[in-house]
Amino acid sequence: MWRLLHADKAGITLTESLAMEPAASVSGLYFAHEKATYFATGKLNKDQVVDYAARKQMDVSEVERWLGPNLAYDAE
């Protein structure tokens, strides 16, 4: 796929671990269907944030900072 797109001509290269450089490069395969619908997820409650922080081995306050706009409560 990389050769088919001629990404190197656009100045995009792959690292040894197959990450794209420059870091702002984005690629993907996008599929559409006439019956496809978009949806939004609801805001996150404290119990969800605590569970996520535990699974990621992160401080709850750090997770709250990263997910701030998506919280259903005021992080303090």
PDB file of N, CA and C in Angstrom:
ATOM      1  N   MET A   1       0.827  -1.177   0.000  1.00  0.00           N
ATOM      2  CA  MET A   1       0.000   0.000   0.000  1.00  0.00           C
ATOM      3  C   MET A   1       0.882   1.255   0.000  1.00  0.00           C
ATOM      4  N   TRP A   2       1.960   1.211   0.775  1.00  0.00           N
ATOM      5  CA  TRP A   2       2.839   2.371   0.892  1.00  0.00           C
ATOM      6  C   TRP A   2       3.401   2.760  -0.468  1.00  0.00           C
ATOM      7  N   ARG A   3       3.832   1.774  -1.233  1.00  0.00           N
ATOM      8  CA  ARG A   3       4.373   2.046  -2.566  1.00  0.00           C
ATOM      9  C   ARG A   3       3.285   2.518  -3.528  1.00  0.00           C
ATOM     10  N   LEU A   4       2.096   1.956  -3.403  1.00  0.00           N
ATOM     11  CA  LEU A   4       0.979   2.345  -4.254  1.00  0.00           C
ATOM     12  C   LEU A   4       0.629   3.819  -4.072  1.00  0.00           C
ATOM     13  N   LEU A   5       0.710   4.308  -2.834  1.00  0.00           N
ATOM     14  CA  LEU A   5       0.392   5.704  -2.534  1.00  0.00           C
ATOM     15  C   LEU A   5       1.528   6.668  -2.849  1.00  0.00           C
ATOM     16  N   HIS A   6       2.726   6.145  -3.085  1.00  0.00           N
ATOM     17  CA  HIS A   6       3.914   6.974  -3.331  1.00  0.00           C
ATOM     18  C   HIS A   6       4.113   7.981  -2.195  1.00  0.00           C
ATOM     19  N   ALA A   7       3.975   7.501  -0.976  1.00  0.00           N
ATOM     20  CA  ALA A   7       4.074   8.364   0.201  1.00  0.00           C
ATOM     21  C   ALA A   7       5.431   9.038   0.308  1.00  0.00           C
ATOM     22  N   ASP A   8       6.479   8.375  -0.156  1.00  0.00           N
ATOM     23  CA  ASP A   8       7.812   8.971  -0.083  1.00  0.00           C
ATOM     24  C   ASP A   8       7.903  10.250  -0.912  1.00  0.00           C
ATOM     25  N   LYS A   9       7.115  10.348  -1.977  1.00  0.00           N
ATOM     26  CA  LYS A   9       7.110  11.567  -2.792  1.00  0.00           C
ATOM     27  C   LYS A   9       6.483  12.737  -2.042  1.00  0.00           C
ATOM     28  N   ALA A  10       5.660  12.433  -1.050  1.00  0.00           N
ATOM     29  CA  ALA A  10       5.041  13.482  -0.227  1.00  0.00           C
ATOM     30  C   ALA A  10       5.913  13.800   0.986  1.00  0.00           C
ATOM     31  N   GLY A  11       7.068  13.144   1.090  1.00  0.00           N
ATOM     32  CA  GLY A  11       7.981  13.412   2.201  1.00  0.00           C
ATOM     33  C   GLY A  11       7.670  12.616   3.455  1.00  0.00           C
ATOM     34  N   ILE A  12       6.865  11.553   3.311  1.00  0.00           N
ATOM     35  CA  ILE A  12       6.505  10.730   4.465  1.00  0.00           C
ATOM     36  C   ILE A  12       7.309   9.439   4.410  1.00  0.00           C
ATOM     37  N   THR A  13       7.936   9.113   5.527  1.00  0.00           N
ATOM     38  CA  THR A  13       8.726   7.882   5.604  1.00  0.00           C
ATOM     39  C   THR A  13       8.237   7.031   6.768  1.00  0.00           C
ATOM     40  N   LEU A  14       8.660   5.776   6.772  1.00  0.00           N
ATOM     41  CA  LEU A  14       8.325   4.865   7.858  1.00  0.00           C
ATOM     42  C   LEU A  14       9.562   4.585   8.691  1.00  0.00           C
ATOM     43  N   THR A  15       9.372   4.550  10.003  1.00  0.00           N
ATOM     44  CA  THR A  15      10.467   4.196  10.894  1.00  0.00           C
ATOM     45  C   THR A  15      10.598   2.678  10.927  1.00  0.00           C
ATOM     46  N   GLU A  16      11.569   2.203  11.657  1.00  0.00           N
ATOM     47  CA  GLU A  16      11.783   0.765  11.803  1.00  0.00           C
ATOM     48  C   GLU A  16      10.575   0.066  12.421  1.00  0.00           C
ATOM     49  N   SER A  17       9.842   0.777  13.287  1.00  0.00           N
ATOM     50  CA  SER A  17       8.657   0.203  13.934  1.00  0.00           C
ATOM     51  C   SER A  17       7.375   0.522  13.153  1.00  0.00           C
ATOM     52  N   LEU A  18       7.528   1.024  11.930  1.00  0.00           N
ATOM     53  CA  LEU A  18       6.432   1.341  11.017  1.00  0.00           C
ATOM     54  C   LEU A  18       5.589   2.545  11.440  1.00  0.00           C
ATOM     55  N   ALA A  19       6.147   3.422  12.247  1.00  0.00           N
ATOM     56  CA  ALA A  19       5.490   4.692  12.552  1.00  0.00           C
ATOM     57  C   ALA A  19       5.813   5.656  11.412  1.00  0.00           C
ATOM     58  N   MET A  20       4.893   6.557  11.129  1.00  0.00           N
ATOM     59  CA  MET A  20       5.123   7.510  10.045  1.00  0.00           C
ATOM     60  C   MET A  20       5.861   8.737  10.548  1.00  0.00           C
ATOM     61  N   GLU A  21       6.743   9.230   9.731  1.00  0.00           N
ATOM     62  CA  GLU A  21       7.444  10.484   9.999  1.00  0.00           C
ATOM     63  C   GLU A  21       7.222  11.395   8.816  1.00  0.00           C
ATOM     64  N   PRO A  22       6.942  12.670   9.001  1.00  0.00           N
ATOM     65  CA  PRO A  22       6.855  13.367  10.280  1.00  0.00           C
ATOM     66  C   PRO A  22       5.652  12.884  11.097  1.00  0.00           C
ATOM     67  N   ALA A  23       5.728  13.138  12.394  1.00  0.00           N
ATOM     68  CA  ALA A  23       4.723  12.633  13.328  1.00  0.00           C
ATOM     69  C   ALA A  23       3.310  13.115  13.006  1.00  0.00           C
ATOM     70  N   ALA A  24       3.166  14.234  12.333  1.00  0.00           N
ATOM     71  CA  ALA A  24       1.844  14.766  12.007  1.00  0.00           C
ATOM     72  C   ALA A  24       1.200  14.035  10.823  1.00  0.00           C
ATOM     73  N   SER A  25       1.902  13.077  10.244  1.00  0.00           N
ATOM     74  CA  SER A  25       1.360  12.327   9.109  1.00  0.00           C
ATOM     75  C   SER A  25       0.248  11.399   9.578  1.00  0.00           C
ATOM     76  N   VAL A  26      -0.785  11.302   8.774  1.00  0.00           N
ATOM     77  CA  VAL A  26      -1.932  10.455   9.110  1.00  0.00           C
ATOM     78  C   VAL A  26      -2.348   9.682   7.867  1.00  0.00           C
ATOM     79  N   SER A  27      -2.671   8.427   8.041  1.00  0.00           N
ATOM     80  CA  SER A  27      -3.214   7.661   6.928  1.00  0.00           C
ATOM     81  C   SER A  27      -4.259   6.704   7.470  1.00  0.00           C
ATOM     82  N   GLY A  28      -5.067   6.206   6.599  1.00  0.00           N
ATOM     83  CA  GLY A  28      -6.070   5.246   7.027  1.00  0.00           C
ATOM     84  C   GLY A  28      -6.880   4.766   5.846  1.00  0.00           C
ATOM     85  N   LEU A  29      -7.641   3.724   6.082  1.00  0.00           N
ATOM     86  CA  LEU A  29      -8.586   3.232   5.096  1.00  0.00           C
ATOM     87  C   LEU A  29      -9.964   3.635   5.583  1.00  0.00           C
ATOM     88  N   TYR A  30     -10.707   4.294   4.757  1.00  0.00           N
ATOM     89  CA  TYR A  30     -12.014   4.798   5.142  1.00  0.00           C
ATOM     90  C   TYR A  30     -13.075   4.168   4.257  1.00  0.00           C
ATOM     91  N   PHE A  31     -14.082   3.617   4.881  1.00  0.00           N
ATOM     92  CA  PHE A  31     -15.157   2.972   4.163  1.00  0.00           C
ATOM     93  C   PHE A  31     -16.457   3.702   4.461  1.00  0.00           C
ATOM     94  N   ALA A  32     -17.301   3.815   3.473  1.00  0.00           N
ATOM     95  CA  ALA A  32     -18.574   4.505   3.660  1.00  0.00           C
ATOM     96  C   ALA A  32     -19.711   3.598   3.213  1.00  0.00           C
ATOM     97  N   HIS A  33     -20.851   3.819   3.793  1.00  0.00           N
ATOM     98  CA  HIS A  33     -22.053   3.101   3.403  1.00  0.00           C
ATOM     99  C   HIS A  33     -23.234   4.028   3.599  1.00  0.00           C
ATOM    100  N   GLU A  34     -24.184   3.964   2.700  1.00  0.00           N
ATOM    101  CA  GLU A  34     -25.328   4.878   2.750  1.00  0.00           C
ATOM    102  C   GLU A  34     -26.150   4.733   4.019  1.00  0.00           C
ATOM    103  N   LYS A  35     -26.080   3.580   4.672  1.00  0.00           N
ATOM    104  CA  LYS A  35     -26.846   3.369   5.900  1.00  0.00           C
ATOM    105  C   LYS A  35     -26.000   3.574   7.167  1.00  0.00           C
ATOM    106  N   ALA A  36     -24.765   3.999   6.979  1.00  0.00           N
ATOM    107  CA  ALA A  36     -23.891   4.240   8.126  1.00  0.00           C
ATOM    108  C   ALA A  36     -24.384   5.458   8.901  1.00  0.00           C
ATOM    109  N   THR A  37     -24.236   5.411  10.210  1.00  0.00           N
ATOM    110  CA  THR A  37     -24.632   6.538  11.050  1.00  0.00           C
ATOM    111  C   THR A  37     -23.492   6.883  12.001  1.00  0.00           C
ATOM    112  N   TYR A  38     -23.439   8.125  12.384  1.00  0.00           N
ATOM    113  CA  TYR A  38     -22.459   8.576  13.361  1.00  0.00           C
ATOM    114  C   TYR A  38     -23.111   8.587  14.728  1.00  0.00           C
ATOM    115  N   PHE A  39     -22.315   8.417  15.742  1.00  0.00           N
ATOM    116  CA  PHE A  39     -22.845   8.450  17.097  1.00  0.00           C
ATOM    117  C   PHE A  39     -21.814   9.082  18.016  1.00  0.00           C
ATOM    118  N   ALA A  40     -22.266   9.565  19.114  1.00  0.00           N
ATOM    119  CA  ALA A  40     -21.371  10.153  20.111  1.00  0.00           C
ATOM    120  C   ALA A  40     -21.501   9.336  21.390  1.00  0.00           C
ATOM    121  N   THR A  41     -20.423   9.264  22.101  1.00  0.00           N
ATOM    122  CA  THR A  41     -20.475   8.584  23.389  1.00  0.00           C
ATOM    123  C   THR A  41     -20.877   9.597  24.455  1.00  0.00           C
ATOM    124  N   GLY A  42     -21.409   9.097  25.543  1.00  0.00           N
ATOM    125  CA  GLY A  42     -21.807   9.975  26.636  1.00  0.00           C
ATOM    126  C   GLY A  42     -20.605  10.419  27.448  1.00  0.00           C
ATOM    127  N   LYS A  43     -20.834  11.301  28.363  1.00  0.00           N
ATOM    128  CA  LYS A  43     -19.779  11.778  29.258  1.00  0.00           C
ATOM    129  C   LYS A  43     -19.380  10.652  30.214  1.00  0.00           C
ATOM    130  N   LEU A  44     -18.139  10.700  30.676  1.00  0.00           N
ATOM    131  CA  LEU A  44     -17.600   9.671  31.568  1.00  0.00           C
ATOM    132  C   LEU A  44     -17.875  10.005  33.029  1.00  0.00           C
ATOM    133  N   ASN A  45     -18.333   9.015  33.765  1.00  0.00           N
ATOM    134  CA  ASN A  45     -18.563   9.169  35.203  1.00  0.00           C
ATOM    135  C   ASN A  45     -17.291   8.838  35.965  1.00  0.00           C
ATOM    136  N   LYS A  46     -17.241   9.234  37.222  1.00  0.00           N
ATOM    137  CA  LYS A  46     -16.048   9.049  38.046  1.00  0.00           C
ATOM    138  C   LYS A  46     -15.631   7.577  38.125  1.00  0.00           C
ATOM    139  N   ASP A  47     -16.590   6.664  38.281  1.00  0.00           N
ATOM    140  CA  ASP A  47     -16.245   5.246  38.387  1.00  0.00           C
ATOM    141  C   ASP A  47     -15.564   4.734  37.119  1.00  0.00           C
ATOM    142  N   GLN A  48     -15.960   5.248  35.965  1.00  0.00           N
ATOM    143  CA  GLN A  48     -15.327   4.853  34.712  1.00  0.00           C
ATOM    144  C   GLN A  48     -13.897   5.370  34.634  1.00  0.00           C
ATOM    145  N   VAL A  49     -13.699   6.591  35.090  1.00  0.00           N
ATOM    146  CA  VAL A  49     -12.364   7.187  35.071  1.00  0.00           C
ATOM    147  C   VAL A  49     -11.434   6.448  36.035  1.00  0.00           C
ATOM    148  N   VAL A  50     -11.941   6.121  37.218  1.00  0.00           N
ATOM    149  CA  VAL A  50     -11.141   5.390  38.208  1.00  0.00           C
ATOM    150  C   VAL A  50     -10.752   4.014  37.652  1.00  0.00           C
ATOM    151  N   ASP A  51     -11.697   3.328  37.028  1.00  0.00           N
ATOM    152  CA  ASP A  51     -11.417   2.014  36.444  1.00  0.00           C
ATOM    153  C   ASP A  51     -10.382   2.122  35.330  1.00  0.00           C
ATOM    154  N   TYR A  52     -10.555   3.104  34.460  1.00  0.00           N
ATOM    155  CA  TYR A  52      -9.618   3.308  33.355  1.00  0.00           C
ATOM    156  C   TYR A  52      -8.212   3.621  33.876  1.00  0.00           C
ATOM    157  N   ALA A  53      -8.134   4.496  34.870  1.00  0.00           N
ATOM    158  CA  ALA A  53      -6.834   4.858  35.452  1.00  0.00           C
ATOM    159  C   ALA A  53      -6.147   3.635  36.034  1.00  0.00           C
ATOM    160  N   ALA A  54      -6.907   2.778  36.697  1.00  0.00           N
ATOM    161  CA  ALA A  54      -6.328   1.560  37.280  1.00  0.00           C
ATOM    162  C   ALA A  54      -5.794   0.636  36.187  1.00  0.00           C
ATOM    163  N   ARG A  55      -6.572   0.467  35.126  1.00  0.00           N
ATOM    164  CA  ARG A  55      -6.140  -0.411  34.039  1.00  0.00           C
ATOM    165  C   ARG A  55      -4.912   0.125  33.321  1.00  0.00           C
ATOM    166  N   LYS A  56      -4.804   1.453  33.208  1.00  0.00           N
ATOM    167  CA  LYS A  56      -3.662   2.072  32.538  1.00  0.00           C
ATOM    168  C   LYS A  56      -2.502   2.350  33.493  1.00  0.00           C
ATOM    169  N   GLN A  57      -2.711   2.037  34.783  1.00  0.00           N
ATOM    170  CA  GLN A  57      -1.704   2.296  35.827  1.00  0.00           C
ATOM    171  C   GLN A  57      -1.296   3.769  35.821  1.00  0.00           C
ATOM    172  N   MET A  58      -2.321   4.636  35.833  1.00  0.00           N
ATOM    173  CA  MET A  58      -2.118   6.081  35.846  1.00  0.00           C
ATOM    174  C   MET A  58      -2.822   6.673  37.047  1.00  0.00           C
ATOM    175  N   ASP A  59      -2.427   7.879  37.446  1.00  0.00           N
ATOM    176  CA  ASP A  59      -3.122   8.604  38.504  1.00  0.00           C
ATOM    177  C   ASP A  59      -4.465   9.091  37.970  1.00  0.00           C
ATOM    178  N   VAL A  60      -5.485   9.036  38.800  1.00  0.00           N
ATOM    179  CA  VAL A  60      -6.812   9.495  38.401  1.00  0.00           C
ATOM    180  C   VAL A  60      -6.761  10.961  37.987  1.00  0.00           C
ATOM    181  N   SER A  61      -6.000  11.768  38.702  1.00  0.00           N
ATOM    182  CA  SER A  61      -5.920  13.197  38.367  1.00  0.00           C
ATOM    183  C   SER A  61      -5.338  13.420  36.971  1.00  0.00           C
ATOM    184  N   GLU A  62      -4.384  12.588  36.572  1.00  0.00           N
ATOM    185  CA  GLU A  62      -3.798  12.713  35.237  1.00  0.00           C
ATOM    186  C   GLU A  62      -4.821  12.314  34.168  1.00  0.00           C
ATOM    187  N   VAL A  63      -5.556  11.241  34.411  1.00  0.00           N
ATOM    188  CA  VAL A  63      -6.590  10.815  33.470  1.00  0.00           C
ATOM    189  C   VAL A  63      -7.661  11.892  33.357  1.00  0.00           C
ATOM    190  N   GLU A  64      -8.042  12.474  34.474  1.00  0.00           N
ATOM    191  CA  GLU A  64      -9.042  13.543  34.457  1.00  0.00           C
ATOM    192  C   GLU A  64      -8.559  14.740  33.653  1.00  0.00           C
ATOM    193  N   ARG A  65      -7.275  15.042  33.756  1.00  0.00           N
ATOM    194  CA  ARG A  65      -6.719  16.156  33.001  1.00  0.00           C
ATOM    195  C   ARG A  65      -6.788  15.873  31.500  1.00  0.00           C
ATOM    196  N   TRP A  66      -6.456  14.652  31.096  1.00  0.00           N
ATOM    197  CA  TRP A  66      -6.477  14.273  29.681  1.00  0.00           C
ATOM    198  C   TRP A  66      -7.898  14.190  29.137  1.00  0.00           C
ATOM    199  N   LEU A  67      -8.826  13.729  29.962  1.00  0.00           N
ATOM    200  CA  LEU A  67     -10.196  13.512  29.504  1.00  0.00           C
ATOM    201  C   LEU A  67     -11.158  14.610  29.937  1.00  0.00           C
ATOM    202  N   GLY A  68     -10.641  15.708  30.438  1.00  0.00           N
ATOM    203  CA  GLY A  68     -11.448  16.791  30.996  1.00  0.00           C
ATOM    204  C   GLY A  68     -12.727  17.142  30.244  1.00  0.00           C
ATOM    205  N   PRO A  69     -12.671  17.398  28.949  1.00  0.00           N
ATOM    206  CA  PRO A  69     -13.889  17.780  28.224  1.00  0.00           C
ATOM    207  C   PRO A  69     -14.937  16.662  28.165  1.00  0.00           C
ATOM    208  N   ASN A  70     -14.522  15.444  28.452  1.00  0.00           N
ATOM    209  CA  ASN A  70     -15.429  14.302  28.348  1.00  0.00           C
ATOM    210  C   ASN A  70     -15.963  13.820  29.690  1.00  0.00           C
ATOM    211  N   LEU A  71     -15.705  14.577  30.748  1.00  0.00           N
ATOM    212  CA  LEU A  71     -16.146  14.161  32.085  1.00  0.00           C
ATOM    213  C   LEU A  71     -17.552  14.649  32.384  1.00  0.00           C
ATOM    214  N   ALA A  72     -18.331  13.801  33.080  1.00  0.00           N
ATOM    215  CA  ALA A  72     -19.698  14.159  33.470  1.00  0.00           C
ATOM    216  C   ALA A  72     -19.715  14.799  34.852  1.00  0.00           C
ATOM    217  N   TYR A  73     -18.545  15.146  35.366  1.00  0.00           N
ATOM    218  CA  TYR A  73     -18.425  15.748  36.697  1.00  0.00           C
ATOM    219  C   TYR A  73     -17.267  16.741  36.668  1.00  0.00           C
ATOM    220  N   ASP A  74     -17.201  17.571  37.698  1.00  0.00           N
ATOM    221  CA  ASP A  74     -16.103  18.524  37.819  1.00  0.00           C
ATOM    222  C   ASP A  74     -14.955  17.868  38.568  1.00  0.00           C
ATOM    223  N   ALA A  75     -13.838  17.715  37.902  1.00  0.00           N
ATOM    224  CA  ALA A  75     -12.644  17.137  38.524  1.00  0.00           C
ATOM    225  C   ALA A  75     -12.027  18.180  39.451  1.00  0.00           C
ATOM    226  N   GLU A  76     -11.719  17.766  40.664  1.00  0.00           N
ATOM    227  CA  GLU A  76     -11.116  18.724  41.612  1.00  0.00           C
ATOM    228  C   GLU A  76      -9.866  18.171  42.210  1.00  0.00           C
TER     229      GLU A  76
END
